[in-house]
Protein backbone atom coordinates (compact mmCIF):
# COMPACT_ATOMS: atom_id res chain seq x y z
CA MET A 1 86.82 109.96 91.95
CA PRO A 2 88.75 111.89 93.41
CA PHE A 3 87.26 111.14 96.72
CA ILE A 4 86.36 107.44 97.54
CA GLN A 5 84.66 106.32 100.86
CA ALA A 6 85.16 102.76 101.90
CA ASN A 7 85.33 100.66 105.32
CA GLY A 8 84.51 103.87 106.96
CA LEU A 9 87.59 105.60 105.74
CA GLU A 10 88.01 108.28 103.06
CA TYR A 11 90.74 108.52 100.25
CA TYR A 12 91.79 110.87 97.34
CA GLN A 13 92.83 109.39 94.11
CA PHE A 14 94.24 110.85 91.00
CA GLU A 15 92.35 110.53 87.71
CA LEU A 16 95.82 110.58 86.17
CA LEU A 17 96.73 107.24 87.82
CA GLY A 18 93.14 105.90 87.92
CA ASN A 19 93.46 102.03 88.35
CA GLN A 20 96.58 101.53 86.76
CA VAL A 21 98.20 101.55 90.07
CA THR A 22 96.83 100.94 93.90
CA HIS A 23 97.32 104.53 95.35
CA ALA A 24 95.61 106.66 97.65
CA VAL A 25 95.79 109.79 99.83
CA PHE A 26 93.85 109.14 103.00
CA THR A 27 91.90 111.90 104.77
CA ARG A 28 92.03 112.15 108.73
CA LYS A 29 88.42 110.30 108.89
CA GLY A 30 87.84 107.04 110.12
CA GLY A 31 90.35 106.16 112.65
CA VAL A 32 90.74 105.45 116.46
CA SER A 33 93.13 108.37 117.46
CA PRO A 34 91.36 110.92 119.98
CA GLN A 35 91.73 114.71 119.75
CA PRO A 36 93.95 116.40 118.70
CA TRP A 37 94.89 113.80 116.36
CA ALA A 38 91.37 112.72 115.42
CA SER A 39 91.08 110.25 113.86
CA LEU A 40 93.03 108.46 111.05
CA ASN A 41 96.63 109.60 112.28
CA LEU A 42 99.70 107.80 111.08
CA GLY A 43 102.18 109.99 112.83
CA GLY A 44 104.00 107.83 115.25
CA THR A 45 105.93 110.94 117.02
CA VAL A 46 103.25 113.56 117.45
CA GLY A 47 102.14 112.24 120.86
CA ASP A 48 99.37 109.73 119.92
CA SER A 49 99.86 106.03 121.18
CA ARG A 50 101.58 103.60 119.30
CA GLU A 51 98.47 101.35 119.44
CA ASN A 52 96.47 103.90 117.67
CA VAL A 53 98.68 104.63 115.23
CA ILE A 54 99.11 100.59 114.43
CA GLU A 55 95.50 100.08 114.13
CA ASN A 56 94.83 103.26 111.89
CA ARG A 57 97.57 101.79 109.54
CA ARG A 58 96.02 98.30 109.71
CA ARG A 59 92.74 100.08 108.80
CA ILE A 60 94.14 101.60 105.63
CA PHE A 61 95.80 98.50 104.26
CA GLU A 62 92.74 96.55 104.91
CA THR A 63 90.47 99.13 102.98
CA LEU A 64 92.78 98.80 100.08
CA GLY A 65 93.20 94.87 100.20
CA ILE A 66 97.00 95.26 100.95
CA GLU A 67 99.27 93.26 103.21
CA VAL A 68 100.71 95.47 105.92
CA SER A 69 103.99 93.58 105.67
CA SER A 70 104.39 94.96 102.32
CA ILE A 71 105.05 98.58 103.61
CA PHE A 72 108.07 100.46 102.73
CA ASP A 73 108.30 103.75 104.77
CA VAL A 74 111.22 106.02 105.80
CA TRP A 75 111.94 108.51 108.33
CA GLN A 76 111.30 111.69 106.56
CA VAL A 77 113.91 114.57 107.24
CA HIS A 78 113.24 117.15 104.81
CA SER A 79 116.28 116.02 102.66
CA ASP A 80 116.89 115.37 98.90
CA LYS A 81 117.67 111.61 99.46
CA VAL A 82 116.00 109.21 97.20
CA ILE A 83 115.94 105.65 98.39
CA PHE A 84 115.54 102.75 96.04
CA THR A 85 114.26 99.46 97.54
CA GLN A 86 113.08 95.90 96.26
CA LYS A 87 111.91 94.72 99.67
CA SER A 88 109.55 95.94 102.28
CA ARG A 89 110.56 97.20 105.97
CA PRO A 90 110.26 94.79 108.43
CA LEU A 91 107.93 96.65 111.10
CA ASP A 92 110.45 95.69 114.03
CA GLN A 93 113.48 97.35 112.05
CA PRO A 94 114.23 101.03 112.13
CA HIS A 95 113.57 103.49 109.25
CA GLU A 96 116.02 104.83 106.76
CA LYS A 97 116.19 108.58 106.51
CA GLY A 98 115.22 110.00 103.21
CA ASP A 99 112.19 111.97 101.57
CA ALA A 100 111.65 109.95 98.29
CA ILE A 101 111.15 106.34 97.72
CA VAL A 102 111.46 104.14 94.65
CA THR A 103 110.57 100.58 93.72
CA LYS A 104 109.99 98.15 90.81
CA ASN A 105 108.63 95.37 93.19
CA PRO A 106 104.88 94.94 92.96
CA ASP A 107 105.01 93.36 96.28
CA VAL A 108 106.21 96.54 98.29
CA THR A 109 103.78 99.34 99.14
CA LEU A 110 105.53 102.80 99.33
CA PHE A 111 104.10 104.71 102.35
CA MET A 112 104.79 108.35 103.62
CA ARG A 113 103.13 110.58 106.16
CA PHE A 114 102.09 114.27 105.56
CA ALA A 115 100.48 117.35 107.22
CA ASP A 116 101.01 120.37 104.94
CA CYS A 117 104.07 119.03 102.77
CA VAL A 118 103.52 117.94 99.34
CA PRO A 119 102.80 114.38 98.45
CA ILE A 120 104.04 113.61 95.04
CA LEU A 121 103.13 110.10 93.32
CA LEU A 122 105.08 109.00 90.35
CA TYR A 123 104.39 106.14 88.13
CA ASP A 124 106.10 104.87 84.78
CA PRO A 125 103.63 102.51 83.19
CA VAL A 126 106.40 101.23 80.47
CA GLN A 127 109.29 100.25 82.78
CA ARG A 128 106.84 99.71 85.84
CA VAL A 129 108.56 101.93 88.30
CA ILE A 130 106.68 103.93 90.82
CA GLY A 131 107.77 106.89 93.50
CA LEU A 132 106.56 108.60 96.22
CA ILE A 133 107.97 111.93 97.48
CA HIS A 134 107.75 114.01 100.49
CA ALA A 135 108.30 117.71 99.57
CA GLY A 136 108.24 120.68 101.92
CA TRP A 137 109.69 123.93 101.25
CA LYS A 138 113.28 122.57 102.00
CA GLY A 139 113.07 119.31 99.76
CA THR A 140 111.25 121.75 97.01
CA VAL A 141 114.31 124.19 97.06
CA GLN A 142 116.77 121.06 96.97
CA LYS A 143 114.79 119.81 93.77
CA ILE A 144 113.97 116.51 95.42
CA THR A 145 111.31 116.10 92.85
CA SER A 146 113.11 116.31 89.62
CA LYS A 147 116.10 114.41 91.29
CA THR A 148 113.63 111.56 91.83
CA VAL A 149 112.68 111.38 88.33
CA ARG A 150 116.37 111.88 87.40
CA PHE A 151 117.13 108.71 89.60
CA MET A 152 114.26 106.90 87.74
CA VAL A 153 115.68 107.73 84.39
CA GLU A 154 119.35 106.78 85.12
CA HIS A 155 118.75 103.73 87.14
CA PHE A 156 115.58 102.23 85.01
CA ASP A 157 115.81 103.73 81.60
CA CYS A 158 112.66 105.68 82.24
CA GLN A 159 111.48 108.05 79.83
CA PRO A 160 110.52 111.30 81.59
CA ASP A 161 107.41 111.67 78.95
CA ASN A 162 106.13 108.32 80.11
CA ILE A 163 105.91 109.13 83.61
CA LEU A 164 102.63 110.07 85.14
CA ALA A 165 102.76 112.63 88.29
CA GLY A 166 100.16 113.31 90.67
CA ILE A 167 100.81 116.33 93.23
CA GLY A 168 98.54 115.86 96.11
CA PRO A 169 97.07 117.55 98.87
CA SER A 170 99.05 119.99 101.03
CA ILE A 171 99.14 123.67 102.00
CA GLY A 172 98.01 125.90 99.40
CA VAL A 173 99.74 129.29 98.44
CA ASP A 174 96.96 131.41 100.35
CA HIS A 175 97.86 129.89 103.73
CA TYR A 176 101.71 129.36 103.08
CA LEU A 177 103.52 132.34 104.42
CA ILE A 178 107.32 132.21 104.36
CA GLY A 179 110.07 134.59 105.62
CA GLU A 180 112.80 136.51 103.80
CA ASP A 181 115.49 133.81 104.36
CA VAL A 182 113.20 130.98 102.71
CA ALA A 183 112.28 133.43 99.92
CA ARG A 184 116.06 133.93 99.06
CA LYS A 185 116.52 130.06 98.86
CA VAL A 186 113.41 129.87 96.55
CA LYS A 187 114.78 132.78 94.38
CA GLU A 188 118.34 130.93 94.16
CA THR A 189 116.61 127.52 93.14
CA PHE A 190 114.12 128.95 90.62
CA GLY A 191 115.72 131.87 89.10
CA THR A 192 113.66 133.68 86.79
CA LYS A 193 110.90 131.63 87.40
CA ALA A 194 110.82 132.44 91.23
CA SER A 195 107.90 135.07 90.15
CA ARG A 196 105.72 132.03 89.27
CA VAL A 197 106.00 130.70 92.86
CA LEU A 198 106.35 133.45 95.07
CA SER A 199 103.91 136.40 95.77
CA THR A 200 103.40 139.08 98.22
CA THR A 201 100.26 140.37 99.74
CA ASN A 202 100.32 143.16 102.33
CA GLY A 203 103.99 142.70 102.81
CA LEU A 204 103.68 138.86 103.25
CA ILE A 205 105.51 136.42 101.17
CA HIS A 206 103.38 133.55 99.91
CA PHE A 207 105.09 130.38 98.50
CA ASP A 208 103.06 128.07 96.09
CA LEU A 209 104.53 124.60 96.50
CA TRP A 210 102.08 123.02 93.85
CA ALA A 211 103.39 125.40 91.14
CA ALA A 212 107.08 125.01 92.40
CA ASN A 213 106.95 121.25 92.16
CA GLU A 214 104.97 121.22 88.73
CA ILE A 215 107.96 123.42 87.48
CA LEU A 216 110.43 121.09 88.78
CA LEU A 217 108.84 118.21 87.17
CA ARG A 218 108.30 119.82 83.62
CA GLU A 219 111.95 120.75 83.70
CA VAL A 220 113.07 117.06 83.70
CA GLY A 221 110.52 116.46 80.83
CA VAL A 222 107.25 115.23 82.61
CA LYS A 223 104.38 116.28 80.88
CA SER A 224 101.37 114.23 82.49
CA ILE A 225 100.84 116.15 85.72
CA GLU A 226 97.72 116.27 87.80
CA VAL A 227 97.46 118.73 90.78
CA SER A 228 94.88 118.03 93.41
CA LYS A 229 94.48 121.71 94.44
CA GLN A 230 93.35 120.23 97.77
CA CYS A 231 94.56 122.76 100.51
CA THR A 232 95.34 121.09 103.91
CA ALA A 233 94.90 124.31 105.71
CA CYS A 234 91.48 125.16 104.11
CA ASP A 235 89.74 121.98 105.16
CA LEU A 236 90.59 120.62 108.59
CA GLU A 237 87.68 118.39 108.43
CA ARG A 238 89.42 116.27 106.06
CA TRP A 239 93.25 117.09 106.47
CA PHE A 240 95.78 117.36 109.24
CA SER A 241 97.60 120.86 108.90
CA HIS A 242 100.65 121.45 110.82
CA ARG A 243 100.38 125.27 110.26
CA ALA A 244 96.63 125.60 110.52
CA GLU A 245 96.42 123.48 113.78
CA GLN A 246 99.61 125.14 115.22
CA GLY A 247 101.71 122.03 115.22
CA SER A 248 99.23 120.03 117.37
CA THR A 249 97.82 117.55 114.96
CA GLY A 250 98.48 114.18 113.30
CA ARG A 251 99.51 112.89 109.87
CA PHE A 252 97.65 111.67 106.96
CA ALA A 253 99.11 108.81 104.66
CA ALA A 254 99.85 108.47 101.13
CA LEU A 255 100.78 105.30 99.37
CA ILE A 256 101.39 103.59 96.09
CA LYS A 257 101.77 100.17 95.05
CA LEU A 258 102.08 98.42 91.66
CA HIS A 259 99.67 95.90 90.55
CA GLN A 260 100.99 92.33 90.12
CA SER A 261 101.82 91.79 86.44
């Protein structure tokens, strides 16, 4: 760890989560998609063929020894909506819209797609609940991360200090420039802590999504947090980056699944 090569693919794992749950953030390597989506693209709305995306997904699930039919994924819309499920999504049925998903069912694999936004993986080993979050700037300023933790607390009696959290590969502060309008929203959300997530260099405003989501986790009592510090814009050999590739790119996958008890 943290990077594992298997079946021609490469994925990142959190040392904090280890083998307690099945989890992975897959790099862009080892798929069948051509440029500009080369090669393990999981985005079905970026111009790549449906057949390529299906084959890439099949390779991911095969590599981890999971049935594709266990997948639960959503239509990610940069919201603060948390969706709970106890069943997988039939592959011929439409997606629900949301940006955080939670389950207690070990037969369900939570699955999301990324290309700069932050994947956040949650696991409560006591109540056996998992969560997966997609947090861009919109979700972050809407506090989707802390709202997901509160959802786990309110619905499943999770204790925040039992929850393990991994903040995954995404765009780092050095590459993430925002405008004054977004900066105002960040200041509204983070108040006196805004100086910990915003910085200005040569008149340009940078937003630290890693620090922001760590703050949101700690505000609701989560103490065990691992930040991958993998910048998607810094390493285009490994990651898709919407910003660094001017929107002409694919999406990488993050997933988490409970072990059978």
